[in-house]
Amino acid sequence: MASHTSTSDPTETIVRFGRELRAAGLGVGTDRVAQLARAAALLPPGELYWAGRATLLARPEEIPLYDALFARFFGPPEASPGPPVRIRIEAEAEREVGLASRAELLREKSFSRCSREELSQLAELMARVDWSMPRRRTRRREAARAGRPDLRRTLRRSFRTGGEPVERAWRRRRRRTRRLILLLDVSGSMDAYSRALVMFAHAALRSDRRWEAFCFGTRLTRVTRALEGSDPDEALRRAAAEVVDWDGGTRIGDSLKRFLDEHGHGGLARGAVVVLCSDGLEVGDPDVLAEQMARLHRLAHRVVWLNPLKEDPAYEPLARGMRAALPHVDHFAAGHSLASLEDVAAALARW
């Protein structure tokens, strides 16, 4: 073996080998290098050559260059069983690619067509979504390199220089992540999506303790505490037990009024990003919904409405509830799949 492996961690050695292959013009990405590192941890050292061929190369014409670099980096390959090992490694690589492909298909699949097993898999993927909320300035101030003069600190520092304000101090207003509020429609018309959206809320709330989630049908239920914990299935069971009107009727306007009366003006909605997930099939008075949406829009930083029916390209917001709400919505999206939720998360990060 060459001296590359004598003093280095095996994983670091494989990473450097991948860099040399890229420098030589081979399309070796970090995903392929990671596959080789996992395979190398499971195989005897003598099979590293075949493991590399199976995981790093995409075309037969790349083999001569790979052979030359492998010999220069690791030394001549040791005797190995050859192709049978290669076939086993290639099968493992194909299995990993298959898993990645299935995960990608699952990201795009509508929640309404997902089985319970697939929803459980989606819960793991939802936990990886980055919910980077926009930030706001608070009333409190902090030390900074620039901003407004901090007279008190400047005066204290001047004591060191005989009263001369040689070293000036500055301060600026602190910035804090905005609160996220989730309002989830769990009425009968949303039955195909409710489970997935509550699981999405469970994943999102783990990003920040100040964030809140509510479910509504004909009444409003705060489910923030029910969605605590790491197990999404258990959190879903607790939420379903607390929401007595799950799979019932829909009174969006009345539920929104209760939220604003009891929580919104108390601080939860003020300056927050409010995401309302509903198909907009209101059975109550649409004028009430329009009035409450106007109140919400005045309080919140942004109002997002996710309507799963929007996944159909031919969908038009003709339901009276949607027509009443849309003038007060900043961002209107489908929210019918994990991919669509990821798009919403990316949009929120830009605000």
Protein backbone atom coordinates (compact mmCIF):
# COMPACT_ATOMS: atom_id res chain seq x y z
CA MET A 1 0.00 0.00 0.00
CA ALA A 2 1.10 3.57 -0.65
CA SER A 3 1.90 5.94 2.19
CA HIS A 4 -1.46 7.71 1.79
CA THR A 5 -3.07 5.21 4.15
CA SER A 6 -0.34 4.87 6.75
CA THR A 7 -1.24 7.81 8.98
CA SER A 8 -4.74 8.77 7.91
CA ASP A 9 -8.19 7.79 9.02
CA PRO A 10 -9.65 5.36 6.41
CA THR A 11 -12.60 7.62 5.68
CA GLU A 12 -10.36 10.65 5.19
CA THR A 13 -8.18 8.58 2.85
CA ILE A 14 -11.19 7.63 0.72
CA VAL A 15 -12.32 11.25 0.61
CA ARG A 16 -8.90 12.36 -0.63
CA PHE A 17 -8.91 9.56 -3.19
CA GLY A 18 -12.28 10.83 -4.47
CA ARG A 19 -10.83 14.33 -4.80
CA GLU A 20 -7.95 12.99 -6.89
CA LEU A 21 -10.39 11.21 -9.17
CA ARG A 22 -12.38 14.43 -9.63
CA ALA A 23 -9.20 16.37 -10.30
CA ALA A 24 -8.39 13.83 -13.02
CA GLY A 25 -11.72 14.51 -14.71
CA LEU A 26 -13.94 11.69 -13.43
CA GLY A 27 -17.48 12.64 -12.34
CA VAL A 28 -17.12 11.38 -8.78
CA GLY A 29 -19.63 13.13 -6.53
CA THR A 30 -19.77 13.13 -2.75
CA ASP A 31 -22.63 10.63 -2.83
CA ARG A 32 -20.44 8.05 -4.60
CA VAL A 33 -17.56 8.65 -2.20
CA ALA A 34 -19.96 8.12 0.72
CA GLN A 35 -21.10 4.82 -0.84
CA LEU A 36 -17.49 3.67 -1.09
CA ALA A 37 -16.80 4.63 2.53
CA ARG A 38 -19.82 2.59 3.68
CA ALA A 39 -18.77 -0.39 1.54
CA ALA A 40 -15.15 -0.20 2.75
CA ALA A 41 -16.31 -0.38 6.35
CA LEU A 42 -18.04 -3.69 5.64
CA LEU A 43 -15.44 -5.38 3.40
CA PRO A 44 -11.89 -6.74 3.85
CA PRO A 45 -9.15 -4.32 2.67
CA GLY A 46 -8.37 -6.54 -0.30
CA GLU A 47 -11.77 -5.82 -1.82
CA LEU A 48 -11.39 -2.03 -1.81
CA TYR A 49 -10.42 -2.00 -5.49
CA TRP A 50 -13.64 -3.67 -6.61
CA ALA A 51 -15.71 -1.65 -4.18
CA GLY A 52 -14.32 1.52 -5.73
CA ARG A 53 -15.01 0.32 -9.25
CA ALA A 54 -18.59 -0.52 -8.33
CA THR A 55 -19.40 2.72 -6.52
CA LEU A 56 -17.26 5.41 -8.18
CA LEU A 57 -17.36 4.62 -11.89
CA ALA A 58 -20.23 5.26 -14.27
CA ARG A 59 -18.77 4.04 -17.62
CA PRO A 60 -16.39 1.23 -18.64
CA GLU A 61 -14.06 3.68 -20.37
CA GLU A 62 -13.25 5.21 -16.96
CA ILE A 63 -11.61 1.98 -15.74
CA PRO A 64 -8.05 2.56 -17.11
CA LEU A 65 -7.77 5.97 -15.47
CA TYR A 66 -9.26 4.60 -12.25
CA ASP A 67 -6.75 1.71 -12.26
CA ALA A 68 -3.80 4.06 -12.69
CA LEU A 69 -4.91 6.40 -9.90
CA PHE A 70 -5.77 3.54 -7.56
CA ALA A 71 -2.31 2.01 -8.02
CA ARG A 72 -0.64 5.37 -7.47
CA PHE A 73 -2.75 6.16 -4.41
CA PHE A 74 -3.10 2.74 -2.71
CA GLY A 75 -0.56 0.61 -4.51
CA PRO A 76 -1.35 -2.42 -6.70
CA PRO A 77 -4.70 -3.98 -5.76
CA GLU A 78 -4.44 -7.10 -3.65
CA ALA A 79 -5.64 -10.43 -4.95
CA SER A 80 -9.39 -10.63 -4.47
CA PRO A 81 -12.31 -12.81 -5.51
CA GLY A 82 -12.93 -10.29 -8.28
CA PRO A 83 -16.22 -10.08 -10.14
CA PRO A 84 -18.43 -11.91 -7.57
CA VAL A 85 -17.48 -9.29 -4.97
CA ARG A 86 -17.98 -6.55 -7.54
CA ILE A 87 -21.44 -7.88 -8.34
CA ARG A 88 -22.32 -7.86 -4.64
CA ILE A 89 -21.11 -4.28 -4.22
CA GLU A 90 -22.89 -3.16 -7.37
CA ALA A 91 -26.09 -4.75 -6.10
CA GLU A 92 -25.71 -2.83 -2.82
CA ALA A 93 -25.06 0.40 -4.74
CA GLU A 94 -28.12 -0.21 -6.90
CA ARG A 95 -30.16 -0.85 -3.77
CA GLU A 96 -29.07 2.51 -2.32
CA VAL A 97 -29.88 4.25 -5.60
CA GLY A 98 -33.26 2.52 -5.56
CA LEU A 99 -33.94 3.77 -2.04
CA ALA A 100 -33.00 7.29 -3.08
CA SER A 101 -35.25 7.05 -6.12
CA ARG A 102 -38.18 5.81 -4.03
CA ALA A 103 -37.63 8.65 -1.56
CA GLU A 104 -37.70 11.14 -4.43
CA LEU A 105 -40.92 9.62 -5.77
CA LEU A 106 -42.40 9.76 -2.28
CA ARG A 107 -41.53 13.46 -2.02
CA GLU A 108 -43.62 14.17 -5.11
CA LYS A 109 -46.50 11.83 -4.26
CA SER A 110 -49.76 13.40 -3.14
CA PHE A 111 -50.60 12.79 0.52
CA SER A 112 -54.04 11.62 -0.59
CA ARG A 113 -52.49 8.61 -2.38
CA CYS A 114 -50.02 7.61 0.33
CA SER A 115 -50.44 4.46 2.39
CA ARG A 116 -49.92 4.52 6.16
CA GLU A 117 -46.49 2.99 5.69
CA GLU A 118 -45.57 5.69 3.18
CA LEU A 119 -46.81 8.40 5.55
CA SER A 120 -44.53 6.99 8.24
CA GLN A 121 -41.63 7.21 5.79
CA LEU A 122 -42.65 10.77 4.95
CA ALA A 123 -42.49 11.68 8.64
CA GLU A 124 -38.76 10.93 8.59
CA LEU A 125 -38.30 13.08 5.48
CA MET A 126 -40.38 15.91 6.94
CA ALA A 127 -38.03 16.07 9.92
CA ARG A 128 -35.23 17.09 7.53
CA VAL A 129 -37.04 20.09 6.04
CA ASP A 130 -35.30 23.35 6.94
CA TRP A 131 -37.88 25.82 8.27
CA SER A 132 -35.82 29.00 8.26
CA MET A 133 -38.25 31.70 9.27
CA PRO A 134 -37.65 35.36 8.40
CA ARG A 135 -36.20 37.46 11.21
CA ARG A 136 -37.48 40.64 12.83
CA ARG A 137 -35.94 43.42 14.88
CA THR A 138 -36.83 43.45 18.57
CA ARG A 139 -36.96 46.42 20.93
CA ARG A 140 -33.91 45.21 22.82
CA ARG A 141 -30.46 46.28 21.70
CA GLU A 142 -27.08 44.58 21.68
CA ALA A 143 -23.44 45.56 21.24
CA ALA A 144 -22.38 45.88 17.61
CA ARG A 145 -19.56 47.13 15.41
CA ALA A 146 -21.83 49.71 13.82
CA GLY A 147 -25.25 51.22 14.38
CA ARG A 148 -26.37 53.81 16.91
CA PRO A 149 -23.88 55.26 19.44
CA ASP A 150 -23.88 53.52 22.82
CA LEU A 151 -23.22 56.53 25.06
CA ARG A 152 -23.12 54.61 28.34
CA ARG A 153 -20.45 52.13 27.17
CA THR A 154 -18.53 54.87 25.40
CA LEU A 155 -18.44 56.87 28.65
CA ARG A 156 -17.21 53.86 30.65
CA ARG A 157 -14.44 53.23 28.14
CA SER A 158 -13.36 56.89 28.26
CA PHE A 159 -12.27 56.43 31.89
CA ARG A 160 -9.29 54.48 30.55
CA THR A 161 -8.18 57.43 28.38
CA GLY A 162 -8.54 60.33 30.80
CA GLY A 163 -12.11 61.13 29.86
CA GLU A 164 -11.48 61.29 26.11
CA PRO A 165 -13.99 59.18 24.08
CA VAL A 166 -11.25 57.58 21.99
CA GLU A 167 -12.88 54.14 21.84
CA ARG A 168 -16.50 54.50 20.85
CA ALA A 169 -19.18 51.85 21.36
CA TRP A 170 -22.19 51.06 19.19
CA ARG A 171 -25.37 49.11 19.53
CA ARG A 172 -28.15 47.83 17.34
CA ARG A 173 -31.56 46.25 17.76
CA ARG A 174 -31.53 42.51 18.22
CA ARG A 175 -32.99 40.28 15.53
CA ARG A 176 -35.13 37.27 16.32
CA THR A 177 -36.73 34.53 14.22
CA ARG A 178 -40.40 35.15 13.61
CA ARG A 179 -42.95 32.79 15.12
CA LEU A 180 -44.65 30.17 12.93
CA ILE A 181 -48.36 29.48 13.52
CA LEU A 182 -50.03 26.47 11.84
CA LEU A 183 -53.82 26.31 11.50
CA LEU A 184 -54.82 22.86 10.19
CA ASP A 185 -58.22 21.94 8.79
CA VAL A 186 -59.10 18.40 9.96
CA SER A 187 -62.71 18.40 8.76
CA GLY A 188 -64.22 15.58 6.72
CA SER A 189 -63.40 17.16 3.36
CA MET A 190 -59.71 17.22 4.33
CA ASP A 191 -59.64 13.60 5.50
CA ALA A 192 -57.20 12.50 2.76
CA TYR A 193 -54.63 15.10 3.86
CA SER A 194 -55.21 15.69 7.59
CA ARG A 195 -52.93 12.95 8.89
CA ALA A 196 -50.01 14.06 6.73
CA LEU A 197 -50.47 17.74 7.60
CA VAL A 198 -50.53 17.04 11.33
CA MET A 199 -47.33 15.01 10.92
CA PHE A 200 -45.88 17.97 9.04
CA ALA A 201 -46.82 20.21 11.98
CA HIS A 202 -45.15 17.80 14.39
CA ALA A 203 -41.91 17.99 12.38
CA ALA A 204 -42.04 21.78 12.03
CA LEU A 205 -42.71 22.49 15.71
CA ARG A 206 -39.52 20.69 16.71
CA SER A 207 -37.53 23.50 15.08
CA ASP A 208 -38.58 26.15 17.62
CA ARG A 209 -40.38 25.91 20.97
CA ARG A 210 -42.19 29.21 20.37
CA TRP A 211 -44.07 27.88 17.35
CA GLU A 212 -47.69 26.81 17.70
CA ALA A 213 -50.20 24.51 15.98
CA PHE A 214 -54.01 24.47 16.03
CA CYS A 215 -56.54 22.12 14.45
CA PHE A 216 -60.05 23.12 13.48
CA GLY A 217 -63.21 21.77 11.97
CA THR A 218 -66.26 23.33 13.56
CA ARG A 219 -64.19 24.52 16.54
CA LEU A 220 -60.57 25.39 17.32
CA THR A 221 -58.22 23.12 19.31
CA ARG A 222 -54.69 23.98 20.34
CA VAL A 223 -52.50 20.90 19.71
CA THR A 224 -49.01 22.28 20.35
CA ARG A 225 -48.44 20.18 23.47
CA ALA A 226 -50.01 17.10 21.93
CA LEU A 227 -47.45 17.27 19.13
CA GLU A 228 -44.46 17.30 21.48
CA GLY A 229 -42.07 14.35 21.51
CA SER A 230 -40.04 12.58 18.88
CA ASP A 231 -42.53 9.88 17.80
CA PRO A 232 -44.79 11.27 15.04
CA ASP A 233 -47.32 8.43 15.29
CA GLU A 234 -47.74 8.91 19.02
CA ALA A 235 -48.03 12.68 18.55
CA LEU A 236 -50.72 12.13 15.92
CA ARG A 237 -52.68 9.85 18.27
CA ARG A 238 -52.56 12.45 21.05
CA ALA A 239 -53.69 15.22 18.71
CA ALA A 240 -56.56 13.13 17.32
CA ALA A 241 -57.71 12.36 20.87
CA GLU A 242 -57.84 16.06 21.74
CA VAL A 243 -59.61 17.24 18.58
CA VAL A 244 -63.22 16.24 19.20
CA ASP A 245 -64.47 17.50 15.82
CA TRP A 246 -61.93 15.60 13.69
CA ASP A 247 -63.53 14.49 10.41
CA GLY A 248 -66.57 16.71 11.01
CA GLY A 249 -67.84 19.92 9.42
CA THR A 250 -65.91 23.06 8.51
CA ARG A 251 -66.37 26.52 9.99
CA ILE A 252 -63.18 28.30 9.05
CA GLY A 253 -64.37 31.82 9.82
CA ASP A 254 -65.66 30.96 13.30
CA SER A 255 -62.50 28.99 14.13
CA LEU A 256 -60.29 31.81 12.92
CA LYS A 257 -62.27 34.32 14.98
CA ARG A 258 -61.74 32.25 18.09
CA PHE A 259 -58.02 32.01 17.37
CA LEU A 260 -57.73 35.78 16.98
CA ASP A 261 -59.90 36.56 19.99
CA GLU A 262 -58.14 34.16 22.36
CA HIS A 263 -54.59 33.97 21.00
CA GLY A 264 -53.93 36.27 18.07
CA HIS A 265 -54.13 39.67 19.70
CA GLY A 266 -52.43 38.25 22.78
CA GLY A 267 -49.19 38.02 20.84
CA LEU A 268 -49.17 34.74 18.93
CA ALA A 269 -50.17 36.14 15.55
CA ARG A 270 -48.59 39.58 15.84
CA GLY A 271 -45.64 39.68 13.46
CA ALA A 272 -45.82 35.92 12.89
CA VAL A 273 -45.94 33.80 9.76
CA VAL A 274 -49.36 32.12 9.78
CA VAL A 275 -49.87 29.04 7.60
CA LEU A 276 -53.47 27.96 7.14
CA CYS A 277 -54.02 24.50 5.58
CA SER A 278 -57.55 24.03 4.24
CA ASP A 279 -59.51 23.25 1.08
CA GLY A 280 -61.62 26.36 1.74
CA LEU A 281 -64.94 24.49 1.69
CA GLU A 282 -66.59 26.77 4.26
CA VAL A 283 -70.07 25.88 5.52
CA GLY A 284 -70.36 29.01 7.61
CA ASP A 285 -70.85 32.62 6.57
CA PRO A 286 -68.14 33.62 4.05
CA ASP A 287 -68.42 37.23 5.19
CA VAL A 288 -67.24 36.15 8.64
CA LEU A 289 -64.26 34.42 7.06
CA ALA A 290 -63.41 37.50 5.00
CA GLU A 291 -63.60 39.72 8.08
CA GLN A 292 -61.38 37.42 10.17
CA MET A 293 -58.86 36.99 7.36
CA ALA A 294 -58.59 40.77 7.14
CA ARG A 295 -57.91 40.91 10.90
CA LEU A 296 -55.29 38.19 10.59
CA HIS A 297 -53.59 39.92 7.68
CA ARG A 298 -53.27 43.13 9.67
CA LEU A 299 -51.61 41.28 12.57
CA ALA A 300 -49.37 38.75 10.85
CA HIS A 301 -46.13 39.30 8.99
CA ARG A 302 -47.27 36.94 6.23
CA VAL A 303 -50.37 34.79 5.69
CA VAL A 304 -49.91 31.55 3.74
CA TRP A 305 -52.83 29.40 2.59
CA LEU A 306 -52.19 25.79 1.56
CA ASN A 307 -55.01 24.16 -0.39
CA PRO A 308 -54.38 20.54 -1.48
CA LEU A 309 -56.98 20.89 -4.24
CA LYS A 310 -54.56 23.23 -5.98
CA GLU A 311 -52.42 20.25 -7.04
CA ASP A 312 -54.87 19.86 -9.95
CA PRO A 313 -53.69 22.24 -12.72
CA ALA A 314 -57.34 22.85 -13.62
CA TYR A 315 -58.25 23.95 -10.09
CA GLU A 316 -59.85 27.37 -9.68
CA PRO A 317 -60.65 28.91 -6.27
CA LEU A 318 -64.39 29.09 -6.88
CA ALA A 319 -65.55 27.85 -3.45
CA ARG A 320 -67.04 30.75 -1.50
CA GLY A 321 -64.63 30.26 1.37
CA MET A 322 -61.60 30.54 -0.88
CA ARG A 323 -62.99 33.54 -2.72
CA ALA A 324 -63.53 35.31 0.61
CA ALA A 325 -60.05 34.47 1.93
CA LEU A 326 -57.75 34.99 -1.05
CA PRO A 327 -57.68 38.81 -1.04
CA HIS A 328 -55.99 38.57 2.37
CA VAL A 329 -53.46 35.84 1.51
CA ASP A 330 -49.81 36.62 0.75
CA HIS A 331 -48.87 33.19 -0.61
CA PHE A 332 -51.25 30.58 -2.04
CA ALA A 333 -49.88 27.07 -2.65
CA ALA A 334 -51.03 23.44 -2.78
CA GLY A 335 -49.25 21.80 0.16
CA HIS A 336 -50.40 18.39 -1.11
CA SER A 337 -46.97 16.72 -1.02
CA LEU A 338 -43.65 16.91 0.73
CA ALA A 339 -42.08 18.59 -2.31
CA SER A 340 -44.72 21.32 -2.25
CA LEU A 341 -44.14 21.87 1.49
CA GLU A 342 -40.41 22.16 0.83
CA ASP A 343 -41.16 24.84 -1.76
CA VAL A 344 -43.18 26.74 0.84
CA ALA A 345 -40.33 26.45 3.36
CA ALA A 346 -37.91 27.86 0.76
CA ALA A 347 -40.30 30.76 0.06
CA LEU A 348 -40.59 31.56 3.77
CA ALA A 349 -36.80 31.74 4.10
CA ARG A 350 -36.68 34.47 1.44
CA TRP A 351 -39.15 36.80 3.16
